[in-house]
Amino acid sequence: MIVVTGATGNIGRPLTQALAEAGQEVTAVSRHTTAVPNGVHHVVADLAEPVGLKPALAGAKALFLLLSGDLHATGANPADLIGEAAAGGVRRVVLLSTQGVVTRPSGDTRIAMHALEDTLRESGLEWAILRPGGFASNALWWAESVRTQQLVAAPFGDIGVPIIDPADIAAVAAACLLDDWHTGGVYELTGPEVITPRQQAEAIAAALGSPVRFHELTRDEARTAMARSMPAELADDTLDILGSPSPAELRISPDVQQVLGRPPRPFAHWAARNVAAFR
């Protein structure tokens, strides 16, 4: 049995579906009751209380570990989740980390994530680590303003990074959970192209078949908005990358191609699949 945390999110949903379609017994973990694919067991648990994960881990052979936002905050101790997995008999953990642990290693949230990676490596479990850059699904922050005002408001309008489709992250995670060949692998996951927020707005407009305006926010305006849904430290780290990406953060990684045997999908593909959110 494979346990998927963050099962209601943009990675967890397609990962749960992919594993179920592969014939795996799957337990989906989320904070709230939700619909899951047929045959998938669902457990309500808050990862901020690791002991609550015990019922989900009973009998599990593998765990996909995605930290909720509060577990990125200063003072959180997500390493306890690795201990609970090992104590529950889990043999393999696939950890969703972040590209920033190598490109921005001094940030508070990156230091904490690097420590969690080290805990996993030293746990005696089989492991794989995924380090994605920015997510295409972050564009859903703009869904309401596009629906109501035909407007995308974002900082750093003409600075781009190679954002990745979360469905591609899920596909790589499934491969790592199912295939022994990926044990000990560390995969940097990016999209196939550098794309700016202004270009993302254009791709959304193309998917809609109607104009979408772009308004550039200041960094302070963006931070205030982001801090409503994530720790302030994580918002600052994210804005540092978006505003001034390093050469390493602009690099197009070959790892999706190497794991899946196909290139990562461009943002336009994500926008077309998710266009209903913007109508």
C-alpha atoms as a PDB file:
ATOM      1  CA  MET A   1       0.000   0.000   0.000  1.00  0.00           C
ATOM      2  CA  ILE A   2       1.207   3.524  -0.860  1.00  0.00           C
ATOM      3  CA  VAL A   3       0.335   6.576   1.228  1.00  0.00           C
ATOM      4  CA  VAL A   4      -0.005   9.938  -0.524  1.00  0.00           C
ATOM      5  CA  THR A   5       0.014  13.064   1.652  1.00  0.00           C
ATOM      6  CA  GLY A   6      -1.341  16.311   0.280  1.00  0.00           C
ATOM      7  CA  ALA A   7      -3.769  14.142  -1.664  1.00  0.00           C
ATOM      8  CA  THR A   8      -6.192  16.964  -2.471  1.00  0.00           C
ATOM      9  CA  GLY A   9      -3.536  19.222  -4.000  1.00  0.00           C
ATOM     10  CA  ASN A  10      -2.280  19.852  -7.487  1.00  0.00           C
ATOM     11  CA  ILE A  11       0.329  17.090  -7.175  1.00  0.00           C
ATOM     12  CA  GLY A  12      -1.467  14.712  -4.830  1.00  0.00           C
ATOM     13  CA  ARG A  13      -4.624  14.410  -6.921  1.00  0.00           C
ATOM     14  CA  PRO A  14      -2.954  13.260 -10.168  1.00  0.00           C
ATOM     15  CA  LEU A  15      -0.477  11.116  -8.207  1.00  0.00           C
ATOM     16  CA  THR A  16      -3.268   9.308  -6.372  1.00  0.00           C
ATOM     17  CA  GLN A  17      -5.085   8.765  -9.671  1.00  0.00           C
ATOM     18  CA  ALA A  18      -1.959   7.476 -11.417  1.00  0.00           C
ATOM     19  CA  LEU A  19      -1.155   5.010  -8.644  1.00  0.00           C
ATOM     20  CA  ALA A  20      -4.740   3.738  -8.524  1.00  0.00           C
ATOM     21  CA  GLU A  21      -4.746   3.280 -12.306  1.00  0.00           C
ATOM     22  CA  ALA A  22      -1.495   1.326 -11.951  1.00  0.00           C
ATOM     23  CA  GLY A  23      -3.337  -1.150  -9.735  1.00  0.00           C
ATOM     24  CA  GLN A  24      -1.768  -0.014  -6.465  1.00  0.00           C
ATOM     25  CA  GLU A  25      -3.546   0.030  -3.118  1.00  0.00           C
ATOM     26  CA  VAL A  26      -3.514   3.708  -2.153  1.00  0.00           C
ATOM     27  CA  THR A  27      -4.321   5.662   0.998  1.00  0.00           C
ATOM     28  CA  ALA A  28      -4.927   9.358   0.378  1.00  0.00           C
ATOM     29  CA  VAL A  29      -4.209  11.680   3.314  1.00  0.00           C
ATOM     30  CA  SER A  30      -5.600  15.202   3.610  1.00  0.00           C
ATOM     31  CA  ARG A  31      -6.699  17.601   6.323  1.00  0.00           C
ATOM     32  CA  HIS A  32     -10.326  17.513   5.245  1.00  0.00           C
ATOM     33  CA  THR A  33     -12.776  14.961   3.910  1.00  0.00           C
ATOM     34  CA  THR A  34     -12.689  14.838   0.132  1.00  0.00           C
ATOM     35  CA  ALA A  35     -13.682  12.688  -2.811  1.00  0.00           C
ATOM     36  CA  VAL A  36     -11.024  10.212  -3.948  1.00  0.00           C
ATOM     37  CA  PRO A  37     -10.833   7.811  -6.905  1.00  0.00           C
ATOM     38  CA  ASN A  38     -12.721   4.546  -6.647  1.00  0.00           C
ATOM     39  CA  GLY A  39     -10.840   1.994  -4.567  1.00  0.00           C
ATOM     40  CA  VAL A  40      -8.681   4.597  -2.805  1.00  0.00           C
ATOM     41  CA  HIS A  41      -8.836   4.718   0.993  1.00  0.00           C
ATOM     42  CA  HIS A  42      -8.998   8.179   2.544  1.00  0.00           C
ATOM     43  CA  VAL A  43      -7.658   9.260   5.948  1.00  0.00           C
ATOM     44  CA  VAL A  44      -8.111  12.712   7.471  1.00  0.00           C
ATOM     45  CA  ALA A  45      -4.902  13.767   9.236  1.00  0.00           C
ATOM     46  CA  ASP A  46      -2.921  16.929   9.934  1.00  0.00           C
ATOM     47  CA  LEU A  47       0.784  16.476   9.249  1.00  0.00           C
ATOM     48  CA  ALA A  48       1.540  19.126  11.839  1.00  0.00           C
ATOM     49  CA  GLU A  49       0.596  16.391  14.352  1.00  0.00           C
ATOM     50  CA  PRO A  50       2.735  13.461  13.113  1.00  0.00           C
ATOM     51  CA  VAL A  51       1.204  10.958  15.513  1.00  0.00           C
ATOM     52  CA  GLY A  52      -2.079  11.418  13.649  1.00  0.00           C
ATOM     53  CA  LEU A  53      -0.481   9.855  10.586  1.00  0.00           C
ATOM     54  CA  LYS A  54      -0.121   6.458  12.314  1.00  0.00           C
ATOM     55  CA  PRO A  55      -3.471   5.006  11.118  1.00  0.00           C
ATOM     56  CA  ALA A  56      -2.659   5.885   7.515  1.00  0.00           C
ATOM     57  CA  LEU A  57       0.809   4.319   7.682  1.00  0.00           C
ATOM     58  CA  ALA A  58      -0.331   0.961   9.049  1.00  0.00           C
ATOM     59  CA  GLY A  59       0.667  -1.635   6.464  1.00  0.00           C
ATOM     60  CA  ALA A  60       2.165   0.909   4.064  1.00  0.00           C
ATOM     61  CA  LYS A  61       5.221   0.084   1.968  1.00  0.00           C
ATOM     62  CA  ALA A  62       5.810   3.572   0.572  1.00  0.00           C
ATOM     63  CA  LEU A  63       5.030   7.205   1.368  1.00  0.00           C
ATOM     64  CA  PHE A  64       4.875  10.334  -0.749  1.00  0.00           C
ATOM     65  CA  LEU A  65       5.667  13.183   1.622  1.00  0.00           C
ATOM     66  CA  LEU A  66       4.485  16.678   0.760  1.00  0.00           C
ATOM     67  CA  LEU A  67       4.675  19.203   3.571  1.00  0.00           C
ATOM     68  CA  SER A  68       1.739  21.486   4.266  1.00  0.00           C
ATOM     69  CA  GLY A  69       2.507  25.198   4.412  1.00  0.00           C
ATOM     70  CA  ASP A  70       2.748  25.432   8.206  1.00  0.00           C
ATOM     71  CA  LEU A  71       5.405  22.718   8.234  1.00  0.00           C
ATOM     72  CA  HIS A  72       7.654  25.118   6.292  1.00  0.00           C
ATOM     73  CA  ALA A  73       7.386  27.706   9.060  1.00  0.00           C
ATOM     74  CA  THR A  74      10.174  28.410  11.526  1.00  0.00           C
ATOM     75  CA  GLY A  75       9.911  26.090  14.531  1.00  0.00           C
ATOM     76  CA  ALA A  76       8.135  23.234  12.716  1.00  0.00           C
ATOM     77  CA  ASN A  77       9.654  19.763  13.035  1.00  0.00           C
ATOM     78  CA  PRO A  78       8.703  17.736   9.941  1.00  0.00           C
ATOM     79  CA  ALA A  79      11.519  15.240  10.670  1.00  0.00           C
ATOM     80  CA  ASP A  80       9.066  13.560  13.051  1.00  0.00           C
ATOM     81  CA  LEU A  81       7.127  12.432   9.989  1.00  0.00           C
ATOM     82  CA  ILE A  82      10.128  10.427   8.793  1.00  0.00           C
ATOM     83  CA  GLY A  83      10.329   8.801  12.208  1.00  0.00           C
ATOM     84  CA  GLU A  84       6.636   7.899  12.134  1.00  0.00           C
ATOM     85  CA  ALA A  85       7.036   6.393   8.670  1.00  0.00           C
ATOM     86  CA  ALA A  86       9.994   4.258   9.740  1.00  0.00           C
ATOM     87  CA  ALA A  87       8.225   3.171  12.935  1.00  0.00           C
ATOM     88  CA  GLY A  88       5.146   2.228  10.902  1.00  0.00           C
ATOM     89  CA  GLY A  89       7.098  -0.122   8.650  1.00  0.00           C
ATOM     90  CA  VAL A  90       7.304   2.084   5.581  1.00  0.00           C
ATOM     91  CA  ARG A  91      10.247   1.046   3.390  1.00  0.00           C
ATOM     92  CA  ARG A  92      10.375   3.886   0.855  1.00  0.00           C
ATOM     93  CA  VAL A  93       9.773   7.636   1.083  1.00  0.00           C
ATOM     94  CA  VAL A  94       9.603  10.008  -1.868  1.00  0.00           C
ATOM     95  CA  LEU A  95      10.045  13.554  -0.563  1.00  0.00           C
ATOM     96  CA  LEU A  96       8.839  16.658  -2.330  1.00  0.00           C
ATOM     97  CA  SER A  97      11.650  19.105  -1.605  1.00  0.00           C
ATOM     98  CA  THR A  98      12.493  22.267  -3.541  1.00  0.00           C
ATOM     99  CA  GLN A  99      15.072  23.445  -6.028  1.00  0.00           C
ATOM    100  CA  GLY A 100      15.943  26.205  -3.568  1.00  0.00           C
ATOM    101  CA  VAL A 101      17.879  23.881  -1.244  1.00  0.00           C
ATOM    102  CA  VAL A 102      20.753  24.103  -3.725  1.00  0.00           C
ATOM    103  CA  THR A 103      20.075  27.435  -5.447  1.00  0.00           C
ATOM    104  CA  ARG A 104      19.201  29.425  -2.274  1.00  0.00           C
ATOM    105  CA  PRO A 105      20.669  27.343   0.545  1.00  0.00           C
ATOM    106  CA  SER A 106      20.814  30.158   3.105  1.00  0.00           C
ATOM    107  CA  GLY A 107      17.073  30.899   3.238  1.00  0.00           C
ATOM    108  CA  ASP A 108      15.333  29.772   6.434  1.00  0.00           C
ATOM    109  CA  THR A 109      12.851  27.510   4.683  1.00  0.00           C
ATOM    110  CA  ARG A 110      15.616  26.056   2.465  1.00  0.00           C
ATOM    111  CA  ILE A 111      17.822  25.284   5.468  1.00  0.00           C
ATOM    112  CA  ALA A 112      14.925  23.432   7.091  1.00  0.00           C
ATOM    113  CA  MET A 113      14.167  21.466   3.935  1.00  0.00           C
ATOM    114  CA  HIS A 114      17.811  20.533   3.460  1.00  0.00           C
ATOM    115  CA  ALA A 115      17.833  19.231   7.041  1.00  0.00           C
ATOM    116  CA  LEU A 116      14.753  17.136   6.249  1.00  0.00           C
ATOM    117  CA  GLU A 117      16.497  15.711   3.170  1.00  0.00           C
ATOM    118  CA  ASP A 118      19.454  14.760   5.386  1.00  0.00           C
ATOM    119  CA  THR A 119      17.126  13.123   7.907  1.00  0.00           C
ATOM    120  CA  LEU A 120      15.609  11.033   5.145  1.00  0.00           C
ATOM    121  CA  ARG A 121      19.011  10.007   3.770  1.00  0.00           C
ATOM    122  CA  GLU A 122      20.120   8.914   7.238  1.00  0.00           C
ATOM    123  CA  SER A 123      16.865   7.131   8.124  1.00  0.00           C
ATOM    124  CA  GLY A 124      17.800   3.726   6.722  1.00  0.00           C
ATOM    125  CA  LEU A 125      14.768   3.865   4.405  1.00  0.00           C
ATOM    126  CA  GLU A 126      14.807   3.726   0.629  1.00  0.00           C
ATOM    127  CA  TRP A 127      14.317   7.234  -0.668  1.00  0.00           C
ATOM    128  CA  ALA A 128      14.075   9.584  -3.611  1.00  0.00           C
ATOM    129  CA  ILE A 129      14.021  13.380  -3.505  1.00  0.00           C
ATOM    130  CA  LEU A 130      12.174  15.651  -5.951  1.00  0.00           C
ATOM    131  CA  ARG A 131      13.321  19.268  -6.245  1.00  0.00           C
ATOM    132  CA  PRO A 132      10.890  21.202  -8.426  1.00  0.00           C
ATOM    133  CA  GLY A 133      11.120  24.863  -9.255  1.00  0.00           C
ATOM    134  CA  GLY A 134       8.007  27.039  -9.567  1.00  0.00           C
ATOM    135  CA  PHE A 135       4.625  25.409 -10.253  1.00  0.00           C
ATOM    136  CA  ALA A 136       2.401  26.220 -13.227  1.00  0.00           C
ATOM    137  CA  SER A 137      -0.557  25.828 -10.867  1.00  0.00           C
ATOM    138  CA  ASN A 138       0.509  28.969  -8.988  1.00  0.00           C
ATOM    139  CA  ALA A 139      -1.332  30.727 -11.816  1.00  0.00           C
ATOM    140  CA  LEU A 140      -4.559  29.663 -10.068  1.00  0.00           C
ATOM    141  CA  TRP A 141      -3.886  32.611  -7.726  1.00  0.00           C
ATOM    142  CA  TRP A 142      -5.103  34.700 -10.652  1.00  0.00           C
ATOM    143  CA  ALA A 143      -8.256  32.690 -11.394  1.00  0.00           C
ATOM    144  CA  GLU A 144     -10.723  34.972  -9.615  1.00  0.00           C
ATOM    145  CA  SER A 145      -9.320  38.176 -11.091  1.00  0.00           C
ATOM    146  CA  VAL A 146      -9.334  36.653 -14.570  1.00  0.00           C
ATOM    147  CA  ARG A 147     -12.939  35.505 -14.150  1.00  0.00           C
ATOM    148  CA  THR A 148     -14.177  38.821 -12.763  1.00  0.00           C
ATOM    149  CA  GLN A 149     -11.861  41.425 -14.301  1.00  0.00           C
ATOM    150  CA  GLN A 150      -9.988  39.700 -17.154  1.00  0.00           C
ATOM    151  CA  LEU A 151      -6.873  40.630 -15.192  1.00  0.00           C
ATOM    152  CA  VAL A 152      -3.628  39.009 -14.099  1.00  0.00           C
ATOM    153  CA  ALA A 153      -1.790  40.934 -11.369  1.00  0.00           C
ATOM    154  CA  ALA A 154       1.708  39.708 -10.507  1.00  0.00           C
ATOM    155  CA  PRO A 155       5.164  41.015  -9.648  1.00  0.00           C
ATOM    156  CA  PHE A 156       8.191  40.942 -11.963  1.00  0.00           C
ATOM    157  CA  GLY A 157       6.117  40.812 -15.137  1.00  0.00           C
ATOM    158  CA  ASP A 158       9.015  40.351 -17.543  1.00  0.00           C
ATOM    159  CA  ILE A 159      11.235  38.070 -15.472  1.00  0.00           C
ATOM    160  CA  GLY A 160      10.736  34.387 -16.196  1.00  0.00           C
ATOM    161  CA  VAL A 161      11.594  30.974 -14.759  1.00  0.00           C
ATOM    162  CA  PRO A 162      11.013  27.457 -16.149  1.00  0.00           C
ATOM    163  CA  ILE A 163       7.872  26.583 -14.161  1.00  0.00           C
ATOM    164  CA  ILE A 164       6.681  22.973 -14.143  1.00  0.00           C
ATOM    165  CA  ASP A 165       3.275  21.357 -14.564  1.00  0.00           C
ATOM    166  CA  PRO A 166       2.351  19.666 -11.252  1.00  0.00           C
ATOM    167  CA  ALA A 167       1.051  16.697 -13.220  1.00  0.00           C
ATOM    168  CA  ASP A 168       4.624  16.114 -14.407  1.00  0.00           C
ATOM    169  CA  ILE A 169       5.827  16.198 -10.796  1.00  0.00           C
ATOM    170  CA  ALA A 170       3.145  13.631  -9.959  1.00  0.00           C
ATOM    171  CA  ALA A 171       4.255  11.398 -12.837  1.00  0.00           C
ATOM    172  CA  VAL A 172       7.872  11.494 -11.655  1.00  0.00           C
ATOM    173  CA  ALA A 173       6.741  10.805  -8.080  1.00  0.00           C
ATOM    174  CA  ALA A 174       4.764   7.762  -9.260  1.00  0.00           C
ATOM    175  CA  ALA A 175       7.819   6.415 -11.065  1.00  0.00           C
ATOM    176  CA  CYS A 176       9.951   6.872  -7.937  1.00  0.00           C
ATOM    177  CA  LEU A 177       7.363   5.157  -5.736  1.00  0.00           C
ATOM    178  CA  LEU A 178       6.962   2.184  -8.054  1.00  0.00           C
ATOM    179  CA  ASP A 179      10.405   1.574  -9.539  1.00  0.00           C
ATOM    180  CA  ASP A 180      13.421   0.472  -7.483  1.00  0.00           C
ATOM    181  CA  TRP A 181      15.699   1.992 -10.115  1.00  0.00           C
ATOM    182  CA  HIS A 182      14.994   5.475  -8.735  1.00  0.00           C
ATOM    183  CA  THR A 183      16.068   4.668  -5.158  1.00  0.00           C
ATOM    184  CA  GLY A 184      18.632   7.241  -4.046  1.00  0.00           C
ATOM    185  CA  GLY A 185      17.755   9.573  -6.907  1.00  0.00           C
ATOM    186  CA  VAL A 186      17.622  13.355  -6.547  1.00  0.00           C
ATOM    187  CA  TYR A 187      15.649  14.934  -9.385  1.00  0.00           C
ATOM    188  CA  GLU A 188      15.504  18.613 -10.296  1.00  0.00           C
ATOM    189  CA  LEU A 189      12.179  19.213 -12.011  1.00  0.00           C
ATOM    190  CA  THR A 190      11.513  22.150 -14.332  1.00  0.00           C
ATOM    191  CA  GLY A 191       9.335  22.929 -17.290  1.00  0.00           C
ATOM    192  CA  PRO A 192      10.646  23.026 -20.869  1.00  0.00           C
ATOM    193  CA  GLU A 193      10.932  26.804 -21.194  1.00  0.00           C
ATOM    194  CA  VAL A 194      11.509  30.029 -19.301  1.00  0.00           C
ATOM    195  CA  ILE A 195       8.209  31.902 -19.177  1.00  0.00           C
ATOM    196  CA  THR A 196       7.355  35.276 -17.627  1.00  0.00           C
ATOM    197  CA  PRO A 197       4.145  36.181 -15.762  1.00  0.00           C
ATOM    198  CA  ARG A 198       3.157  38.409 -18.691  1.00  0.00           C
ATOM    199  CA  GLN A 199       3.595  35.465 -21.062  1.00  0.00           C
ATOM    200  CA  GLN A 200       1.577  33.257 -18.723  1.00  0.00           C
ATOM    201  CA  ALA A 201      -1.246  35.801 -18.905  1.00  0.00           C
ATOM    202  CA  GLU A 202      -1.034  35.617 -22.701  1.00  0.00           C
ATOM    203  CA  ALA A 203      -1.231  31.808 -22.583  1.00  0.00           C
ATOM    204  CA  ILE A 204      -4.307  31.976 -20.348  1.00  0.00           C
ATOM    205  CA  ALA A 205      -5.881  34.458 -22.756  1.00  0.00           C
ATOM    206  CA  ALA A 206      -5.169  32.119 -25.663  1.00  0.00           C
ATOM    207  CA  ALA A 207      -6.758  29.206 -23.807  1.00  0.00           C
ATOM    208  CA  LEU A 208      -9.817  31.336 -23.030  1.00  0.00           C
ATOM    209  CA  GLY A 209     -10.041  32.829 -26.481  1.00  0.00           C
ATOM    210  CA  SER A 210     -10.485  36.280 -24.924  1.00  0.00           C
ATOM    211  CA  PRO A 211      -8.174  39.116 -23.823  1.00  0.00           C
ATOM    212  CA  VAL A 212      -6.537  39.164 -20.398  1.00  0.00           C
ATOM    213  CA  ARG A 213      -4.851  42.327 -19.106  1.00  0.00           C
ATOM    214  CA  PHE A 214      -1.615  42.270 -17.110  1.00  0.00           C
ATOM    215  CA  HIS A 215      -0.895  44.533 -14.123  1.00  0.00           C
ATOM    216  CA  GLU A 216       2.496  44.489 -12.425  1.00  0.00           C
ATOM    217  CA  LEU A 217       2.458  44.398  -8.628  1.00  0.00           C
ATOM    218  CA  THR A 218       5.194  45.750  -6.418  1.00  0.00           C
ATOM    219  CA  ARG A 219       7.101  43.224  -4.354  1.00  0.00           C
ATOM    220  CA  ASP A 220       5.417  44.482  -1.171  1.00  0.00           C
ATOM    221  CA  GLU A 221       1.965  44.105  -2.703  1.00  0.00           C
ATOM    222  CA  ALA A 222       2.775  40.579  -3.814  1.00  0.00           C
ATOM    223  CA  ARG A 223       4.227  39.624  -0.421  1.00  0.00           C
ATOM    224  CA  THR A 224       1.110  40.817   1.382  1.00  0.00           C
ATOM    225  CA  ALA A 225      -1.097  38.709  -0.880  1.00  0.00           C
ATOM    226  CA  MET A 226       1.094  35.600  -0.674  1.00  0.00           C
ATOM    227  CA  ALA A 227       1.458  35.780   3.109  1.00  0.00           C
ATOM    228  CA  ARG A 228      -2.291  35.172   3.423  1.00  0.00           C
ATOM    229  CA  SER A 229      -1.789  31.581   2.274  1.00  0.00           C
ATOM    230  CA  MET A 230       1.805  30.688   3.218  1.00  0.00           C
ATOM    231  CA  PRO A 231       4.389  31.507   5.897  1.00  0.00           C
ATOM    232  CA  ALA A 232       5.955  34.937   5.389  1.00  0.00           C
ATOM    233  CA  GLU A 233       9.431  33.349   5.189  1.00  0.00           C
ATOM    234  CA  LEU A 234       8.322  31.147   2.304  1.00  0.00           C
ATOM    235  CA  ALA A 235       6.740  34.127   0.547  1.00  0.00           C
ATOM    236  CA  ASP A 236      10.000  36.076   0.831  1.00  0.00           C
ATOM    237  CA  ASP A 237      12.073  33.147  -0.450  1.00  0.00           C
ATOM    238  CA  THR A 238       9.707  32.696  -3.399  1.00  0.00           C
ATOM    239  CA  LEU A 239       9.787  36.380  -4.310  1.00  0.00           C
ATOM    240  CA  ASP A 240      13.596  36.389  -4.154  1.00  0.00           C
ATOM    241  CA  ILE A 241      13.647  33.721  -6.848  1.00  0.00           C
ATOM    242  CA  LEU A 242      10.922  35.265  -9.003  1.00  0.00           C
ATOM    243  CA  GLY A 243      12.519  38.695  -8.892  1.00  0.00           C
ATOM    244  CA  SER A 244      16.119  37.704  -9.454  1.00  0.00           C
ATOM    245  CA  PRO A 245      16.530  34.104 -10.624  1.00  0.00           C
ATOM    246  CA  SER A 246      20.068  32.767 -10.635  1.00  0.00           C
ATOM    247  CA  PRO A 247      21.569  30.968 -13.649  1.00  0.00           C
ATOM    248  CA  ALA A 248      20.845  27.668 -11.862  1.00  0.00           C
ATOM    249  CA  GLU A 249      17.183  28.678 -11.469  1.00  0.00           C
ATOM    250  CA  LEU A 250      16.944  29.492 -15.186  1.00  0.00           C
ATOM    251  CA  ARG A 251      18.403  26.123 -16.224  1.00  0.00           C
ATOM    252  CA  ILE A 252      16.120  23.680 -18.042  1.00  0.00           C
ATOM    253  CA  SER A 253      16.615  20.361 -16.279  1.00  0.00           C
ATOM    254  CA  PRO A 254      16.697  17.087 -18.270  1.00  0.00           C
ATOM    255  CA  ASP A 255      15.380  15.045 -15.335  1.00  0.00           C
ATOM    256  CA  VAL A 256      11.689  14.857 -16.336  1.00  0.00           C
ATOM    257  CA  GLN A 257      12.741  13.586 -19.762  1.00  0.00           C
ATOM    258  CA  GLN A 258      15.108  11.064 -18.195  1.00  0.00           C
ATOM    259  CA  VAL A 259      12.513   9.663 -15.781  1.00  0.00           C
ATOM    260  CA  LEU A 260       9.415   9.743 -17.988  1.00  0.00           C
ATOM    261  CA  GLY A 261      10.910   9.304 -21.444  1.00  0.00           C
ATOM    262  CA  ARG A 262       9.152  12.468 -22.650  1.00  0.00           C
ATOM    263  CA  PRO A 263       9.753  16.191 -22.215  1.00  0.00           C
ATOM    264  CA  PRO A 264       7.933  18.218 -19.558  1.00  0.00           C
ATOM    265  CA  ARG A 265       4.762  19.918 -20.737  1.00  0.00           C
ATOM    266  CA  PRO A 266       4.738  23.680 -21.397  1.00  0.00           C
ATOM    267  CA  PHE A 267       2.621  26.176 -19.479  1.00  0.00           C
ATOM    268  CA  ALA A 268       0.246  26.544 -22.428  1.00  0.00           C
ATOM    269  CA  HIS A 269      -0.638  22.863 -22.062  1.00  0.00           C
ATOM    270  CA  TRP A 270      -1.404  23.363 -18.361  1.00  0.00           C
ATOM    271  CA  ALA A 271      -3.504  26.466 -19.134  1.00  0.00           C
ATOM    272  CA  ALA A 272      -5.551  24.623 -21.754  1.00  0.00           C
ATOM    273  CA  ARG A 273      -6.237  21.707 -19.349  1.00  0.00           C
ATOM    274  CA  ASN A 274      -7.241  24.063 -16.538  1.00  0.00           C
ATOM    275  CA  VAL A 275      -9.036  26.761 -18.507  1.00  0.00           C
ATOM    276  CA  ALA A 276     -12.349  26.112 -16.708  1.00  0.00           C
ATOM    277  CA  ALA A 277     -10.844  27.655 -13.551  1.00  0.00           C
ATOM    278  CA  PHE A 278     -10.473  30.975 -15.389  1.00  0.00           C
ATOM    279  CA  ARG A 279     -13.916  31.163 -17.050  1.00  0.00           C
END
